[in-house]
Amino acid sequence: AYCLLNFGDSITTDHISPAGSIHNDSPAAKYLMERGVDRRDFNSYGSRRGNHEIMARGTFANIRLVNKLLNGEVGPKTIHIPTGEKLSVFDAAMRYKYEGHDTVILAGAEYGSGSSRD
């Protein structure tokens, strides 16, 4: 299995579950634009939480995410290990799936604690 994300301690559900506005360069935004939704109508992940496609693309999309694979860089990105390409977490996960590779997430103490349940 390839490491999709490598976290330290205190990665909470607020880091995992989509929240806040849908950023213009995110996989969720791309999905919406491909379906004719204007940027001004993206709204927030919370307003679209009934849409599985948006929520899947927003998982680990927190702008404060610190992934050790990125050497301290902050944001919802990771490295596709076979190519070294920096991708959104969703795009990397889908590429691994398409290639038939399993993935793991490494995380420390308190991983998944918090109140977000989307």
C-alpha atoms as a PDB file:
ATOM      1  CA  ALA A   1       0.000   0.000   0.000  1.00  0.00           C
ATOM      2  CA  TYR A   2       1.108   3.571  -0.652  1.00  0.00           C
ATOM      3  CA  CYS A   3       0.897   6.275   1.991  1.00  0.00           C
ATOM      4  CA  LEU A   4      -1.795   8.739   0.940  1.00  0.00           C
ATOM      5  CA  LEU A   5      -1.334  11.069   3.921  1.00  0.00           C
ATOM      6  CA  ASN A   6       1.130  11.184   6.804  1.00  0.00           C
ATOM      7  CA  PHE A   7      -0.062  13.180   9.801  1.00  0.00           C
ATOM      8  CA  GLY A   8       1.214  13.842  13.263  1.00  0.00           C
ATOM      9  CA  ASP A   9      -1.028  14.141  16.294  1.00  0.00           C
ATOM     10  CA  SER A  10      -4.302  16.037  16.668  1.00  0.00           C
ATOM     11  CA  ILE A  11      -5.851  15.525  13.231  1.00  0.00           C
ATOM     12  CA  THR A  12      -9.497  15.958  14.131  1.00  0.00           C
ATOM     13  CA  THR A  13     -12.754  15.481  12.297  1.00  0.00           C
ATOM     14  CA  ASP A  14     -12.541  19.171  11.390  1.00  0.00           C
ATOM     15  CA  HIS A  15      -9.508  18.312   9.239  1.00  0.00           C
ATOM     16  CA  ILE A  16     -11.175  15.231   7.765  1.00  0.00           C
ATOM     17  CA  SER A  17     -14.776  16.271   7.101  1.00  0.00           C
ATOM     18  CA  PRO A  18     -15.472  18.925   4.477  1.00  0.00           C
ATOM     19  CA  ALA A  19     -16.390  22.298   5.926  1.00  0.00           C
ATOM     20  CA  GLY A  20     -16.319  25.912   4.865  1.00  0.00           C
ATOM     21  CA  SER A  21     -16.381  27.340   1.397  1.00  0.00           C
ATOM     22  CA  ILE A  22     -15.654  25.334  -1.738  1.00  0.00           C
ATOM     23  CA  HIS A  23     -12.394  26.738  -3.090  1.00  0.00           C
ATOM     24  CA  ASN A  24     -12.252  27.564  -6.794  1.00  0.00           C
ATOM     25  CA  ASP A  25      -9.337  25.221  -7.526  1.00  0.00           C
ATOM     26  CA  SER A  26     -10.643  22.218  -5.568  1.00  0.00           C
ATOM     27  CA  PRO A  27     -11.881  18.883  -6.955  1.00  0.00           C
ATOM     28  CA  ALA A  28     -15.375  19.798  -5.693  1.00  0.00           C
ATOM     29  CA  ALA A  29     -15.267  23.061  -7.678  1.00  0.00           C
ATOM     30  CA  LYS A  30     -14.120  21.214 -10.792  1.00  0.00           C
ATOM     31  CA  TYR A  31     -16.999  18.761 -10.382  1.00  0.00           C
ATOM     32  CA  LEU A  32     -19.510  21.610 -10.045  1.00  0.00           C
ATOM     33  CA  MET A  33     -18.104  23.553 -13.022  1.00  0.00           C
ATOM     34  CA  GLU A  34     -18.264  20.431 -15.205  1.00  0.00           C
ATOM     35  CA  ARG A  35     -21.982  20.371 -14.425  1.00  0.00           C
ATOM     36  CA  GLY A  36     -22.565  24.012 -15.324  1.00  0.00           C
ATOM     37  CA  VAL A  37     -22.639  25.494 -11.816  1.00  0.00           C
ATOM     38  CA  ASP A  38     -21.370  29.075 -11.764  1.00  0.00           C
ATOM     39  CA  ARG A  39     -18.573  29.859  -9.301  1.00  0.00           C
ATOM     40  CA  ARG A  40     -20.762  32.292  -7.384  1.00  0.00           C
ATOM     41  CA  ASP A  41     -23.168  29.406  -6.683  1.00  0.00           C
ATOM     42  CA  PHE A  42     -20.609  26.970  -5.208  1.00  0.00           C
ATOM     43  CA  ASN A  43     -21.612  27.927  -1.669  1.00  0.00           C
ATOM     44  CA  SER A  44     -20.187  25.717   1.103  1.00  0.00           C
ATOM     45  CA  TYR A  45     -19.635  22.032   1.767  1.00  0.00           C
ATOM     46  CA  GLY A  46     -22.255  22.260   4.520  1.00  0.00           C
ATOM     47  CA  SER A  47     -24.895  23.453   2.057  1.00  0.00           C
ATOM     48  CA  ARG A  48     -24.078  20.525  -0.247  1.00  0.00           C
ATOM     49  CA  ARG A  49     -23.605  17.788   2.349  1.00  0.00           C
ATOM     50  CA  GLY A  50     -26.391  15.718   0.822  1.00  0.00           C
ATOM     51  CA  ASN A  51     -24.287  15.339  -2.337  1.00  0.00           C
ATOM     52  CA  HIS A  52     -21.927  12.372  -1.998  1.00  0.00           C
ATOM     53  CA  GLU A  53     -19.801  13.471  -4.966  1.00  0.00           C
ATOM     54  CA  ILE A  54     -19.083  16.858  -3.391  1.00  0.00           C
ATOM     55  CA  MET A  55     -18.420  15.436   0.063  1.00  0.00           C
ATOM     56  CA  ALA A  56     -16.049  12.761  -1.262  1.00  0.00           C
ATOM     57  CA  ARG A  57     -14.087  15.455  -3.075  1.00  0.00           C
ATOM     58  CA  GLY A  58     -14.010  17.571   0.069  1.00  0.00           C
ATOM     59  CA  THR A  59     -12.666  14.939   2.455  1.00  0.00           C
ATOM     60  CA  PHE A  60      -9.247  16.093   3.703  1.00  0.00           C
ATOM     61  CA  ALA A  61      -9.736  19.415   1.859  1.00  0.00           C
ATOM     62  CA  ASN A  62      -8.981  21.488   4.957  1.00  0.00           C
ATOM     63  CA  ILE A  63      -6.660  24.383   4.090  1.00  0.00           C
ATOM     64  CA  ARG A  64      -4.815  23.936   7.418  1.00  0.00           C
ATOM     65  CA  LEU A  65      -3.954  20.288   6.802  1.00  0.00           C
ATOM     66  CA  VAL A  66      -0.293  19.442   7.417  1.00  0.00           C
ATOM     67  CA  ASN A  67       0.818  16.360   5.498  1.00  0.00           C
ATOM     68  CA  LYS A  68       4.372  15.264   6.330  1.00  0.00           C
ATOM     69  CA  LEU A  69       4.768  14.004   2.765  1.00  0.00           C
ATOM     70  CA  LEU A  70       4.879  17.679   1.738  1.00  0.00           C
ATOM     71  CA  ASN A  71       7.703  18.684   4.093  1.00  0.00           C
ATOM     72  CA  GLY A  72       5.720  21.214   6.110  1.00  0.00           C
ATOM     73  CA  GLU A  73       3.604  22.654   3.314  1.00  0.00           C
ATOM     74  CA  VAL A  74       0.066  23.399   4.501  1.00  0.00           C
ATOM     75  CA  GLY A  75      -3.044  22.615   2.467  1.00  0.00           C
ATOM     76  CA  PRO A  76      -5.180  19.814   1.006  1.00  0.00           C
ATOM     77  CA  LYS A  77      -2.484  18.240  -1.159  1.00  0.00           C
ATOM     78  CA  THR A  78      -0.365  15.093  -1.155  1.00  0.00           C
ATOM     79  CA  ILE A  79       2.280  13.394  -3.225  1.00  0.00           C
ATOM     80  CA  HIS A  80       1.488  10.607  -5.671  1.00  0.00           C
ATOM     81  CA  ILE A  81       4.479   8.537  -4.620  1.00  0.00           C
ATOM     82  CA  PRO A  82       5.117   6.611  -7.871  1.00  0.00           C
ATOM     83  CA  THR A  83       5.406   9.831  -9.917  1.00  0.00           C
ATOM     84  CA  GLY A  84       6.289  12.430  -7.278  1.00  0.00           C
ATOM     85  CA  GLU A  85       3.446  14.602  -8.581  1.00  0.00           C
ATOM     86  CA  LYS A  86       1.696  16.910  -6.094  1.00  0.00           C
ATOM     87  CA  LEU A  87      -2.079  16.418  -6.301  1.00  0.00           C
ATOM     88  CA  SER A  88      -5.214  17.135  -4.330  1.00  0.00           C
ATOM     89  CA  VAL A  89      -5.908  14.370  -1.837  1.00  0.00           C
ATOM     90  CA  PHE A  90      -9.007  13.308  -3.797  1.00  0.00           C
ATOM     91  CA  ASP A  91      -7.188  13.185  -7.138  1.00  0.00           C
ATOM     92  CA  ALA A  92      -4.308  11.188  -5.657  1.00  0.00           C
ATOM     93  CA  ALA A  93      -6.721   8.728  -4.038  1.00  0.00           C
ATOM     94  CA  MET A  94      -8.583   8.244  -7.317  1.00  0.00           C
ATOM     95  CA  ARG A  95      -5.335   7.726  -9.222  1.00  0.00           C
ATOM     96  CA  TYR A  96      -4.209   5.058  -6.758  1.00  0.00           C
ATOM     97  CA  LYS A  97      -7.616   3.381  -7.043  1.00  0.00           C
ATOM     98  CA  TYR A  98      -7.468   3.457 -10.853  1.00  0.00           C
ATOM     99  CA  GLU A  99      -3.968   1.958 -10.757  1.00  0.00           C
ATOM    100  CA  GLY A 100      -5.152  -0.806  -8.422  1.00  0.00           C
ATOM    101  CA  HIS A 101      -3.055   0.297  -5.436  1.00  0.00           C
ATOM    102  CA  ASP A 102      -4.171   0.246  -1.827  1.00  0.00           C
ATOM    103  CA  THR A 103      -3.471   3.293   0.351  1.00  0.00           C
ATOM    104  CA  VAL A 104      -2.992   3.991   4.038  1.00  0.00           C
ATOM    105  CA  ILE A 105      -3.201   7.107   6.178  1.00  0.00           C
ATOM    106  CA  LEU A 106      -0.671   7.438   8.989  1.00  0.00           C
ATOM    107  CA  ALA A 107      -1.845   9.475  11.960  1.00  0.00           C
ATOM    108  CA  GLY A 108      -0.964   9.935  15.609  1.00  0.00           C
ATOM    109  CA  ALA A 109      -2.795  10.544  18.838  1.00  0.00           C
ATOM    110  CA  GLU A 110      -6.348  11.859  18.720  1.00  0.00           C
ATOM    111  CA  TYR A 111      -6.825  11.042  15.031  1.00  0.00           C
ATOM    112  CA  GLY A 112     -10.513  11.478  14.239  1.00  0.00           C
ATOM    113  CA  SER A 113     -11.490  13.117  17.506  1.00  0.00           C
ATOM    114  CA  GLY A 114     -13.927  15.981  17.312  1.00  0.00           C
ATOM    115  CA  SER A 115     -17.540  16.641  16.519  1.00  0.00           C
ATOM    116  CA  SER A 116     -17.812  16.772  12.713  1.00  0.00           C
ATOM    117  CA  ARG A 117     -19.857  13.833  11.487  1.00  0.00           C
ATOM    118  CA  ASP A 118     -20.341  14.482   7.757  1.00  0.00           C
END
